[in-house]
Structure formats: structure tokens, C-alpha cells
Amino acid sequence: MTIWPIMVEGWQIECCLTPPAVGDAVEWQLCWLTPEAHGELAVQECVYPEETPLTPADSAEHEPGILLRSGGLSAWSLTPTLPVHPRGYLSEDHHGWIPPEMPATQGIVREISVVTIEYGRSEQGRLTGAVAGTSKRRPVTSSPKQFDAAELMDANIAHPRNEIGILVDLDVRDRPGSPVDAR
């Protein structure tokens, strides 16, 4: 089995995803996202710095993206043609961004960290976006159901912090259909 870092956005859990815990067997649909397209969620810990180890599953393209695989891991890329962008991260999705016929990835949750980032503010008190390099991780044994965004509402805080979700180390089966080892 291979460990893959997977970002799970807080709103996905707050809406309707069962919060995972360390040791849980999960089956998730994953997508491959680029830091340019999803900058604030491209936390440093889960952006692959060079080339992704994922490769196209076949030559058939599915509008508007392509299925990528590595062993038992499958991910939907919004990049509609090859080559797939070499920098990005994996994210769980169950709200319809991934075509329903795309295979899910099965694995065991080995570690969970709540991810917090810092935002900037303009002189007028408006949020200006995530501040690069400010992500922090807080290890937990299970994901919270709600994430703390209280500082974003306080205009007196110059650099408010926001819990954006969790980073999961997912132990993925090497091949689809191979046994899951809960260890």
C-alpha cells in the first residue's frame, strides 16, 4: 500500500461527508487540482513539487477532464488534455465535480491534520486572500465536523486564521480490489 496526502475541504465535511478518523477504511472519489486554479487550498504539505506520479489511465478523454491512476489510486483531472499539469494536489470530492462513472479510491486513514491558513486584509478591512506560506497543521485522531472561521469575521484582526479542512494521509491499495490492511 502507498501513502498519499489527500486534502478534504472543510465545507465538504460540514455539509455531508462523515468526518474520518485514523484507522477508518474509506472509499473516496478524488480529483487532481493545480495550485494555480485552487491557490488557497494548495497547502504546501500536499503539493507535489515536481512531476506527479499519476499517469493517464487510458487514451480516452472524458469531458472536461481525464482519469489518472497510480496503482489503486484514481483521480479525476480537470485538465482536459495531456500533458497533465505536473504540480498539484489530490482532493476528495463528493458533490458532483467528478463524473459519477469514475472509480473511487479505497484506503485506510493513517494520519489526519487540521489545516489552518492565514488571510490578509486591506486597509479597508476586506479580506485579500490567503497569505502564501502560512499553512499550519494540527494533528488530530479524528476530523472535526465543523471548522473554525471566527477570526475571518473579526475586522480588527489584521491576519485572521481559518481552518480550511483536513489533510489525510491515505494508505491506498496498490491495486484495485486488493485486500485492505487495517493494521
N, C-alpha and C. Protein backbone atom coordinates (compact mmCIF):
# COMPACT_ATOMS: atom_id res chain seq x y z
N MET A 1 0.84 -1.18 0.00
CA MET A 1 0.00 0.00 0.00
C MET A 1 0.89 1.24 0.00
N THR A 2 0.39 2.32 -0.55
CA THR A 2 1.14 3.55 -0.71
C THR A 2 0.41 4.69 0.00
N ILE A 3 1.15 5.53 0.73
CA ILE A 3 0.56 6.67 1.43
C ILE A 3 0.46 7.85 0.47
N TRP A 4 -0.74 8.43 0.36
CA TRP A 4 -1.00 9.61 -0.46
C TRP A 4 -1.62 10.69 0.42
N PRO A 5 -1.11 11.92 0.37
CA PRO A 5 -1.76 13.02 1.10
C PRO A 5 -2.98 13.50 0.31
N ILE A 6 -4.11 13.56 0.99
CA ILE A 6 -5.38 13.96 0.37
C ILE A 6 -5.95 15.14 1.14
N MET A 7 -6.25 16.23 0.45
CA MET A 7 -6.89 17.39 1.07
C MET A 7 -8.40 17.17 1.04
N VAL A 8 -9.04 17.37 2.19
CA VAL A 8 -10.50 17.31 2.28
C VAL A 8 -10.95 18.67 2.77
N GLU A 9 -11.64 19.41 1.92
CA GLU A 9 -12.07 20.76 2.26
C GLU A 9 -13.10 20.71 3.38
N GLY A 10 -13.00 21.68 4.29
CA GLY A 10 -13.88 21.71 5.45
C GLY A 10 -15.36 21.73 5.08
N TRP A 11 -15.73 22.49 4.04
CA TRP A 11 -17.15 22.58 3.68
C TRP A 11 -17.71 21.24 3.24
N GLN A 12 -16.86 20.36 2.67
CA GLN A 12 -17.32 19.03 2.26
C GLN A 12 -17.75 18.23 3.50
N ILE A 13 -16.97 18.35 4.57
CA ILE A 13 -17.29 17.64 5.81
C ILE A 13 -18.47 18.30 6.51
N GLU A 14 -18.47 19.63 6.58
CA GLU A 14 -19.58 20.35 7.24
C GLU A 14 -20.91 20.05 6.55
N CYS A 15 -20.88 19.88 5.24
CA CYS A 15 -22.11 19.61 4.51
C CYS A 15 -22.62 18.19 4.78
N CYS A 16 -21.86 17.20 4.34
CA CYS A 16 -22.45 15.86 4.41
C CYS A 16 -21.47 14.69 4.38
N LEU A 17 -20.16 14.95 4.42
CA LEU A 17 -19.20 13.86 4.48
C LEU A 17 -19.01 13.44 5.93
N THR A 18 -19.06 12.16 6.17
CA THR A 18 -18.79 11.66 7.53
C THR A 18 -17.34 11.98 7.87
N PRO A 19 -17.11 12.68 9.00
CA PRO A 19 -15.73 13.02 9.37
C PRO A 19 -14.90 11.75 9.59
N PRO A 20 -13.79 11.61 8.86
CA PRO A 20 -12.98 10.41 9.03
C PRO A 20 -12.17 10.43 10.32
N ALA A 21 -11.77 9.24 10.75
CA ALA A 21 -10.90 9.08 11.91
C ALA A 21 -9.73 8.18 11.50
N VAL A 22 -8.63 8.30 12.22
CA VAL A 22 -7.48 7.44 11.97
C VAL A 22 -7.92 5.99 12.12
N GLY A 23 -7.55 5.17 11.13
CA GLY A 23 -7.92 3.76 11.12
C GLY A 23 -9.15 3.45 10.29
N ASP A 24 -9.90 4.46 9.89
CA ASP A 24 -11.10 4.24 9.08
C ASP A 24 -10.74 3.75 7.68
N ALA A 25 -11.54 2.80 7.18
CA ALA A 25 -11.47 2.42 5.78
C ALA A 25 -12.42 3.35 5.04
N VAL A 26 -11.91 4.00 3.99
CA VAL A 26 -12.73 4.95 3.23
C VAL A 26 -12.70 4.60 1.75
N GLU A 27 -13.70 5.08 1.04
CA GLU A 27 -13.78 4.95 -0.40
C GLU A 27 -14.20 6.32 -0.93
N TRP A 28 -13.25 7.03 -1.52
CA TRP A 28 -13.46 8.41 -1.94
C TRP A 28 -13.20 8.58 -3.42
N GLN A 29 -13.96 9.48 -4.04
CA GLN A 29 -13.62 9.95 -5.37
C GLN A 29 -12.65 11.10 -5.20
N LEU A 30 -11.56 11.07 -5.95
CA LEU A 30 -10.51 12.07 -5.81
C LEU A 30 -10.36 12.88 -7.08
N CYS A 31 -9.93 14.12 -6.91
CA CYS A 31 -9.61 14.94 -8.08
C CYS A 31 -8.21 15.51 -7.91
N TRP A 32 -7.57 15.76 -9.03
CA TRP A 32 -6.24 16.35 -9.09
C TRP A 32 -6.42 17.82 -9.42
N LEU A 33 -5.99 18.70 -8.53
CA LEU A 33 -6.16 20.14 -8.68
C LEU A 33 -4.81 20.82 -8.76
N THR A 34 -4.73 21.89 -9.52
CA THR A 34 -3.48 22.63 -9.64
C THR A 34 -3.46 23.80 -8.67
N PRO A 35 -2.28 24.18 -8.17
CA PRO A 35 -2.20 25.32 -7.26
C PRO A 35 -2.67 26.62 -7.91
N GLU A 36 -2.46 26.77 -9.19
CA GLU A 36 -2.88 27.99 -9.87
C GLU A 36 -4.40 28.12 -9.88
N ALA A 37 -5.09 27.02 -10.06
CA ALA A 37 -6.55 27.05 -10.12
C ALA A 37 -7.19 27.11 -8.74
N HIS A 38 -6.53 26.58 -7.73
CA HIS A 38 -7.09 26.49 -6.39
C HIS A 38 -6.05 26.91 -5.36
N GLY A 39 -5.51 28.10 -5.50
CA GLY A 39 -4.36 28.57 -4.73
C GLY A 39 -4.48 28.45 -3.23
N GLU A 40 -5.57 28.90 -2.64
CA GLU A 40 -5.62 28.93 -1.19
C GLU A 40 -5.67 27.54 -0.59
N LEU A 41 -6.14 26.56 -1.34
CA LEU A 41 -6.18 25.20 -0.82
C LEU A 41 -4.92 24.42 -1.16
N ALA A 42 -4.06 24.99 -1.97
CA ALA A 42 -2.83 24.30 -2.36
C ALA A 42 -1.82 24.42 -1.23
N VAL A 43 -2.15 23.81 -0.13
CA VAL A 43 -1.28 23.90 1.04
C VAL A 43 0.05 23.22 0.73
N GLN A 44 1.09 23.78 1.27
CA GLN A 44 2.45 23.34 0.96
C GLN A 44 2.62 21.85 1.17
N GLU A 45 2.00 21.29 2.20
CA GLU A 45 2.24 19.89 2.55
C GLU A 45 1.73 18.90 1.52
N CYS A 46 0.76 19.27 0.69
CA CYS A 46 0.23 18.27 -0.23
C CYS A 46 0.39 18.65 -1.69
N VAL A 47 1.21 19.64 -1.99
CA VAL A 47 1.52 19.95 -3.38
C VAL A 47 2.75 19.13 -3.78
N TYR A 48 2.62 18.36 -4.83
CA TYR A 48 3.75 17.57 -5.30
C TYR A 48 4.70 18.51 -6.04
N PRO A 49 5.95 18.63 -5.61
CA PRO A 49 6.85 19.65 -6.12
C PRO A 49 7.32 19.46 -7.55
N GLU A 50 7.45 18.28 -8.02
CA GLU A 50 7.99 18.06 -9.36
C GLU A 50 6.89 17.46 -10.23
N GLU A 51 7.11 16.26 -10.70
CA GLU A 51 6.11 15.64 -11.56
C GLU A 51 5.24 14.72 -10.73
N THR A 52 3.97 14.71 -11.05
CA THR A 52 3.06 13.81 -10.36
C THR A 52 3.36 12.37 -10.73
N PRO A 53 3.23 11.44 -9.78
CA PRO A 53 3.41 10.03 -10.11
C PRO A 53 2.18 9.43 -10.79
N LEU A 54 1.14 10.24 -10.99
CA LEU A 54 -0.06 9.76 -11.66
C LEU A 54 0.13 9.78 -13.17
N THR A 55 -0.46 8.80 -13.84
CA THR A 55 -0.40 8.75 -15.29
C THR A 55 -1.80 8.55 -15.83
N PRO A 56 -2.04 8.98 -17.08
CA PRO A 56 -3.37 8.77 -17.66
C PRO A 56 -3.73 7.29 -17.69
N ALA A 57 -4.97 6.97 -17.33
CA ALA A 57 -5.41 5.58 -17.27
C ALA A 57 -5.58 4.98 -18.66
N ASP A 58 -5.98 5.80 -19.60
CA ASP A 58 -6.15 5.34 -20.96
C ASP A 58 -6.11 6.56 -21.87
N SER A 59 -6.21 6.33 -23.15
CA SER A 59 -6.14 7.44 -24.08
C SER A 59 -7.49 8.14 -24.25
N ALA A 60 -8.53 7.54 -23.71
CA ALA A 60 -9.86 8.14 -23.85
C ALA A 60 -10.01 9.32 -22.90
N GLU A 61 -10.36 10.44 -23.45
CA GLU A 61 -10.60 11.61 -22.63
C GLU A 61 -12.08 11.70 -22.31
N HIS A 62 -12.39 12.16 -21.14
CA HIS A 62 -13.76 12.34 -20.72
C HIS A 62 -13.95 13.83 -20.52
N GLU A 63 -14.94 14.39 -21.13
CA GLU A 63 -15.16 15.83 -20.98
C GLU A 63 -15.57 16.13 -19.56
N PRO A 64 -15.02 17.14 -18.93
CA PRO A 64 -13.99 18.04 -19.43
C PRO A 64 -12.61 17.71 -18.87
N GLY A 65 -12.32 16.46 -18.58
CA GLY A 65 -11.03 16.13 -17.98
C GLY A 65 -10.54 14.76 -18.39
N ILE A 66 -9.69 14.19 -17.52
CA ILE A 66 -9.10 12.89 -17.83
C ILE A 66 -8.88 12.13 -16.52
N LEU A 67 -9.02 10.80 -16.58
CA LEU A 67 -8.80 9.93 -15.42
C LEU A 67 -7.31 9.62 -15.31
N LEU A 68 -6.77 9.80 -14.09
CA LEU A 68 -5.37 9.47 -13.80
C LEU A 68 -5.33 8.31 -12.82
N ARG A 69 -4.28 7.48 -12.91
CA ARG A 69 -4.15 6.35 -11.99
C ARG A 69 -2.70 6.15 -11.57
N SER A 70 -2.56 5.60 -10.37
CA SER A 70 -1.28 5.11 -9.89
C SER A 70 -1.61 3.97 -8.93
N GLY A 71 -1.34 2.74 -9.33
CA GLY A 71 -1.72 1.59 -8.52
C GLY A 71 -3.23 1.60 -8.31
N GLY A 72 -3.66 1.57 -7.04
CA GLY A 72 -5.08 1.58 -6.72
C GLY A 72 -5.68 2.95 -6.60
N LEU A 73 -4.89 4.00 -6.83
CA LEU A 73 -5.40 5.36 -6.71
C LEU A 73 -5.92 5.83 -8.07
N SER A 74 -7.13 6.40 -8.06
CA SER A 74 -7.71 7.01 -9.25
C SER A 74 -8.03 8.46 -8.91
N ALA A 75 -7.79 9.36 -9.86
CA ALA A 75 -8.09 10.77 -9.64
C ALA A 75 -8.57 11.38 -10.95
N TRP A 76 -9.54 12.24 -10.85
CA TRP A 76 -10.08 12.96 -12.00
C TRP A 76 -9.33 14.28 -12.13
N SER A 77 -8.78 14.54 -13.29
CA SER A 77 -8.09 15.80 -13.53
C SER A 77 -8.96 16.69 -14.39
N LEU A 78 -9.10 17.94 -13.98
CA LEU A 78 -9.87 18.89 -14.76
C LEU A 78 -9.09 19.36 -15.98
N THR A 79 -7.82 18.96 -16.07
CA THR A 79 -7.03 19.26 -17.25
C THR A 79 -7.55 18.37 -18.37
N PRO A 80 -8.17 18.95 -19.41
CA PRO A 80 -8.84 18.11 -20.39
C PRO A 80 -7.93 17.39 -21.37
N THR A 81 -6.68 17.80 -21.46
CA THR A 81 -5.79 17.15 -22.42
C THR A 81 -4.43 16.90 -21.79
N LEU A 82 -3.67 16.04 -22.41
CA LEU A 82 -2.31 15.78 -21.95
C LEU A 82 -1.40 16.88 -22.48
N PRO A 83 -0.29 17.21 -21.84
CA PRO A 83 0.15 16.59 -20.60
C PRO A 83 -0.59 17.16 -19.40
N VAL A 84 -0.73 16.34 -18.39
CA VAL A 84 -1.35 16.77 -17.15
C VAL A 84 -0.39 17.71 -16.44
N HIS A 85 -0.91 18.76 -15.85
CA HIS A 85 -0.07 19.74 -15.14
C HIS A 85 0.79 19.01 -14.11
N PRO A 86 2.10 19.23 -14.09
CA PRO A 86 3.00 18.47 -13.23
C PRO A 86 2.95 18.86 -11.75
N ARG A 87 2.30 19.97 -11.40
CA ARG A 87 2.20 20.35 -9.99
C ARG A 87 0.74 20.41 -9.59
N GLY A 88 0.44 19.83 -8.45
CA GLY A 88 -0.94 19.85 -7.99
C GLY A 88 -1.10 19.07 -6.71
N TYR A 89 -2.34 18.82 -6.37
CA TYR A 89 -2.63 18.05 -5.16
C TYR A 89 -3.92 17.28 -5.34
N LEU A 90 -4.10 16.28 -4.50
CA LEU A 90 -5.28 15.42 -4.54
C LEU A 90 -6.30 15.93 -3.52
N SER A 91 -7.56 15.93 -3.93
CA SER A 91 -8.63 16.39 -3.05
C SER A 91 -9.83 15.45 -3.17
N GLU A 92 -10.48 15.20 -2.05
CA GLU A 92 -11.70 14.39 -2.04
C GLU A 92 -12.86 15.24 -2.52
N ASP A 93 -13.77 14.64 -3.29
CA ASP A 93 -14.97 15.36 -3.72
C ASP A 93 -16.14 14.39 -3.80
N HIS A 94 -17.27 14.81 -3.27
CA HIS A 94 -18.49 14.01 -3.42
C HIS A 94 -19.70 14.90 -3.71
N HIS A 95 -19.43 16.04 -4.33
CA HIS A 95 -20.51 16.96 -4.67
C HIS A 95 -20.69 17.12 -6.19
N GLY A 96 -20.26 16.15 -6.96
CA GLY A 96 -20.59 16.13 -8.37
C GLY A 96 -19.59 16.77 -9.31
N TRP A 97 -18.41 17.16 -8.85
CA TRP A 97 -17.41 17.72 -9.76
C TRP A 97 -16.74 16.62 -10.57
N ILE A 98 -16.82 15.41 -10.07
CA ILE A 98 -16.20 14.26 -10.73
C ILE A 98 -17.32 13.45 -11.38
N PRO A 99 -17.14 13.04 -12.64
CA PRO A 99 -18.18 12.23 -13.28
C PRO A 99 -18.48 10.98 -12.45
N PRO A 100 -19.75 10.63 -12.28
CA PRO A 100 -20.12 9.52 -11.40
C PRO A 100 -19.55 8.17 -11.81
N GLU A 101 -19.22 8.00 -13.10
CA GLU A 101 -18.68 6.72 -13.55
C GLU A 101 -17.20 6.54 -13.22
N MET A 102 -16.55 7.59 -12.71
CA MET A 102 -15.14 7.49 -12.37
C MET A 102 -14.97 6.63 -11.12
N PRO A 103 -13.94 5.76 -11.11
CA PRO A 103 -13.75 4.86 -9.96
C PRO A 103 -13.32 5.61 -8.70
N ALA A 104 -13.72 5.06 -7.58
CA ALA A 104 -13.32 5.60 -6.28
C ALA A 104 -12.00 4.97 -5.87
N THR A 105 -11.32 5.63 -4.93
CA THR A 105 -10.07 5.12 -4.36
C THR A 105 -10.37 4.61 -2.96
N GLN A 106 -9.91 3.41 -2.66
CA GLN A 106 -10.11 2.81 -1.35
C GLN A 106 -8.81 2.85 -0.57
N GLY A 107 -8.92 3.10 0.73
CA GLY A 107 -7.72 3.11 1.55
C GLY A 107 -8.05 3.22 3.02
N ILE A 108 -7.00 3.25 3.83
CA ILE A 108 -7.10 3.37 5.28
C ILE A 108 -6.52 4.72 5.68
N VAL A 109 -7.25 5.46 6.51
CA VAL A 109 -6.78 6.74 7.02
C VAL A 109 -5.69 6.47 8.05
N ARG A 110 -4.48 6.94 7.79
CA ARG A 110 -3.35 6.72 8.69
C ARG A 110 -3.06 7.91 9.57
N GLU A 111 -3.21 9.14 9.06
CA GLU A 111 -2.99 10.36 9.83
C GLU A 111 -3.96 11.42 9.36
N ILE A 112 -4.31 12.33 10.28
CA ILE A 112 -5.18 13.46 9.95
C ILE A 112 -4.59 14.70 10.62
N SER A 113 -4.57 15.80 9.86
CA SER A 113 -4.19 17.10 10.42
C SER A 113 -5.22 18.13 9.98
N VAL A 114 -5.66 18.98 10.92
CA VAL A 114 -6.49 20.12 10.57
C VAL A 114 -5.55 21.17 9.99
N VAL A 115 -5.91 21.72 8.82
CA VAL A 115 -5.08 22.70 8.13
C VAL A 115 -5.66 24.10 8.34
N THR A 116 -4.81 25.00 8.81
CA THR A 116 -5.19 26.40 9.03
C THR A 116 -4.31 27.28 8.16
N ILE A 117 -4.92 28.30 7.54
CA ILE A 117 -4.15 29.27 6.78
C ILE A 117 -4.48 30.68 7.26
N GLU A 118 -3.59 31.58 6.95
CA GLU A 118 -3.74 32.99 7.34
C GLU A 118 -4.17 33.79 6.12
N TYR A 119 -5.05 34.74 6.34
CA TYR A 119 -5.51 35.64 5.28
C TYR A 119 -4.99 37.04 5.55
N GLY A 120 -4.86 37.82 4.49
CA GLY A 120 -4.51 39.22 4.61
C GLY A 120 -5.76 40.08 4.59
N ARG A 121 -5.60 41.35 5.00
CA ARG A 121 -6.71 42.32 4.95
C ARG A 121 -6.21 43.60 4.31
N SER A 122 -7.10 44.24 3.59
CA SER A 122 -6.79 45.55 3.03
C SER A 122 -6.92 46.60 4.14
N GLU A 123 -6.50 47.82 3.84
CA GLU A 123 -6.64 48.91 4.82
C GLU A 123 -8.10 49.17 5.17
N GLN A 124 -9.01 48.82 4.25
CA GLN A 124 -10.45 48.99 4.49
C GLN A 124 -11.04 47.83 5.29
N GLY A 125 -10.22 46.83 5.63
CA GLY A 125 -10.68 45.70 6.43
C GLY A 125 -11.21 44.52 5.63
N ARG A 126 -11.15 44.59 4.30
CA ARG A 126 -11.61 43.48 3.47
C ARG A 126 -10.54 42.40 3.38
N LEU A 127 -10.99 41.15 3.33
CA LEU A 127 -10.06 40.05 3.15
C LEU A 127 -9.43 40.14 1.76
N THR A 128 -8.13 39.89 1.69
CA THR A 128 -7.42 39.98 0.42
C THR A 128 -6.96 38.63 -0.10
N GLY A 129 -7.24 37.58 0.60
CA GLY A 129 -6.86 36.24 0.15
C GLY A 129 -5.84 35.60 1.08
N ALA A 130 -5.56 34.34 0.79
CA ALA A 130 -4.62 33.58 1.61
C ALA A 130 -3.21 34.13 1.47
N VAL A 131 -2.47 34.12 2.58
CA VAL A 131 -1.08 34.56 2.59
C VAL A 131 -0.21 33.34 2.34
N ALA A 132 0.58 33.38 1.28
CA ALA A 132 1.43 32.24 0.90
C ALA A 132 2.36 31.85 2.05
N GLY A 133 2.50 30.54 2.22
CA GLY A 133 3.44 30.02 3.22
C GLY A 133 2.95 30.05 4.65
N THR A 134 1.66 30.31 4.89
CA THR A 134 1.17 30.42 6.27
C THR A 134 0.39 29.20 6.75
N SER A 135 0.34 28.14 5.94
CA SER A 135 -0.43 26.98 6.37
C SER A 135 0.23 26.31 7.57
N LYS A 136 -0.62 25.88 8.49
CA LYS A 136 -0.18 25.15 9.69
C LYS A 136 -1.01 23.89 9.79
N ARG A 137 -0.39 22.87 10.36
CA ARG A 137 -1.08 21.59 10.56
C ARG A 137 -1.17 21.28 12.05
N ARG A 138 -2.35 20.80 12.46
CA ARG A 138 -2.57 20.37 13.85
C ARG A 138 -3.03 18.91 13.81
N PRO A 139 -2.17 17.98 14.26
CA PRO A 139 -2.55 16.56 14.22
C PRO A 139 -3.77 16.29 15.11
N VAL A 140 -4.68 15.46 14.60
CA VAL A 140 -5.86 15.03 15.35
C VAL A 140 -6.07 13.54 15.07
N THR A 141 -6.86 12.88 15.90
CA THR A 141 -7.16 11.47 15.65
C THR A 141 -8.45 11.30 14.86
N SER A 142 -9.29 12.34 14.85
CA SER A 142 -10.49 12.32 14.01
C SER A 142 -10.80 13.74 13.56
N SER A 143 -11.42 13.83 12.41
CA SER A 143 -11.74 15.14 11.85
C SER A 143 -12.88 15.79 12.63
N PRO A 144 -12.82 17.10 12.79
CA PRO A 144 -13.99 17.79 13.35
C PRO A 144 -15.12 17.80 12.31
N LYS A 145 -16.34 18.01 12.77
CA LYS A 145 -17.46 18.16 11.85
C LYS A 145 -17.60 19.62 11.42
N GLN A 146 -17.18 20.56 12.28
CA GLN A 146 -17.23 21.99 11.98
C GLN A 146 -15.81 22.55 12.06
N PHE A 147 -15.54 23.58 11.25
CA PHE A 147 -14.21 24.18 11.19
C PHE A 147 -14.29 25.63 11.61
N ASP A 148 -13.26 26.09 12.32
CA ASP A 148 -13.25 27.43 12.91
C ASP A 148 -12.90 28.49 11.87
N ALA A 149 -13.85 29.41 11.65
CA ALA A 149 -13.64 30.54 10.74
C ALA A 149 -13.95 31.85 11.45
N ALA A 150 -14.00 31.83 12.79
CA ALA A 150 -14.43 33.01 13.56
C ALA A 150 -13.55 34.23 13.32
N GLU A 151 -12.24 34.04 13.18
CA GLU A 151 -11.34 35.19 13.00
C GLU A 151 -11.62 35.94 11.70
N LEU A 152 -12.15 35.24 10.69
CA LEU A 152 -12.44 35.90 9.42
C LEU A 152 -13.51 36.98 9.58
N MET A 153 -14.38 36.79 10.58
CA MET A 153 -15.49 37.73 10.79
C MET A 153 -15.08 38.96 11.61
N ASP A 154 -13.92 38.90 12.22
CA ASP A 154 -13.46 40.00 13.07
C ASP A 154 -12.54 40.93 12.27
N ALA A 155 -13.07 42.08 11.85
CA ALA A 155 -12.31 43.02 11.02
C ALA A 155 -11.13 43.64 11.76
N ASN A 156 -11.05 43.48 13.09
CA ASN A 156 -9.95 44.02 13.87
C ASN A 156 -8.70 43.14 13.83
N ILE A 157 -8.84 41.94 13.32
CA ILE A 157 -7.70 41.03 13.23
C ILE A 157 -7.07 41.22 11.85
N ALA A 158 -5.82 41.71 11.84
CA ALA A 158 -5.15 42.05 10.57
C ALA A 158 -4.86 40.81 9.72
N HIS A 159 -4.50 39.70 10.35
CA HIS A 159 -4.18 38.47 9.64
C HIS A 159 -4.96 37.31 10.26
N PRO A 160 -6.26 37.25 9.96
CA PRO A 160 -7.08 36.19 10.56
C PRO A 160 -6.70 34.81 10.04
N ARG A 161 -6.88 33.83 10.91
CA ARG A 161 -6.61 32.45 10.54
C ARG A 161 -7.94 31.72 10.34
N ASN A 162 -7.91 30.74 9.46
CA ASN A 162 -9.12 30.00 9.12
C ASN A 162 -8.76 28.53 8.94
N GLU A 163 -9.53 27.66 9.58
CA GLU A 163 -9.37 26.22 9.35
C GLU A 163 -10.06 25.89 8.03
N ILE A 164 -9.28 25.44 7.05
CA ILE A 164 -9.85 25.21 5.71
C ILE A 164 -10.24 23.76 5.45
N GLY A 165 -9.82 22.85 6.32
CA GLY A 165 -10.13 21.44 6.11
C GLY A 165 -9.10 20.56 6.77
N ILE A 166 -8.99 19.35 6.25
CA ILE A 166 -8.04 18.39 6.81
C ILE A 166 -7.14 17.85 5.70
N LEU A 167 -5.94 17.48 6.12
CA LEU A 167 -5.02 16.76 5.26
C LEU A 167 -4.93 15.35 5.80
N VAL A 168 -5.28 14.38 4.95
CA VAL A 168 -5.33 12.97 5.35
C VAL A 168 -4.20 12.22 4.67
N ASP A 169 -3.44 11.46 5.44
CA ASP A 169 -2.52 10.50 4.84
C ASP A 169 -3.31 9.22 4.62
N LEU A 170 -3.59 8.94 3.35
CA LEU A 170 -4.42 7.79 2.99
C LEU A 170 -3.53 6.66 2.47
N ASP A 171 -3.60 5.51 3.12
CA ASP A 171 -2.87 4.31 2.73
C ASP A 171 -3.72 3.60 1.68
N VAL A 172 -3.31 3.73 0.42
CA VAL A 172 -4.11 3.26 -0.70
C VAL A 172 -3.67 1.89 -1.15
N ARG A 173 -4.65 1.07 -1.47
CA ARG A 173 -4.36 -0.25 -2.02
C ARG A 173 -3.48 -0.09 -3.27
N ASP A 174 -2.53 -0.98 -3.43
CA ASP A 174 -1.65 -0.91 -4.60
C ASP A 174 -2.39 -1.22 -5.89
N ARG A 175 -3.40 -2.09 -5.79
CA ARG A 175 -4.21 -2.43 -6.97
C ARG A 175 -5.67 -2.39 -6.55
N PRO A 176 -6.55 -1.94 -7.45
CA PRO A 176 -7.96 -2.01 -7.12
C PRO A 176 -8.36 -3.46 -6.83
N GLY A 177 -9.13 -3.65 -5.79
CA GLY A 177 -9.59 -5.00 -5.45
C GLY A 177 -8.66 -5.77 -4.54
N SER A 178 -7.45 -5.24 -4.25
CA SER A 178 -6.56 -5.94 -3.32
C SER A 178 -7.08 -5.74 -1.91
N PRO A 179 -6.76 -6.65 -0.98
CA PRO A 179 -7.32 -6.54 0.37
C PRO A 179 -6.85 -5.28 1.08
N VAL A 180 -7.74 -4.74 1.91
CA VAL A 180 -7.39 -3.59 2.75
C VAL A 180 -6.81 -4.11 4.04
N ASP A 181 -5.67 -3.59 4.43
CA ASP A 181 -5.00 -3.98 5.67
C ASP A 181 -5.22 -2.89 6.69
N ALA A 182 -6.09 -3.12 7.65
CA ALA A 182 -6.43 -2.11 8.65
C ALA A 182 -5.34 -1.94 9.71
N ARG A 183 -4.37 -2.83 9.74
CA ARG A 183 -3.25 -2.78 10.70
C ARG A 183 -3.73 -2.33 12.04
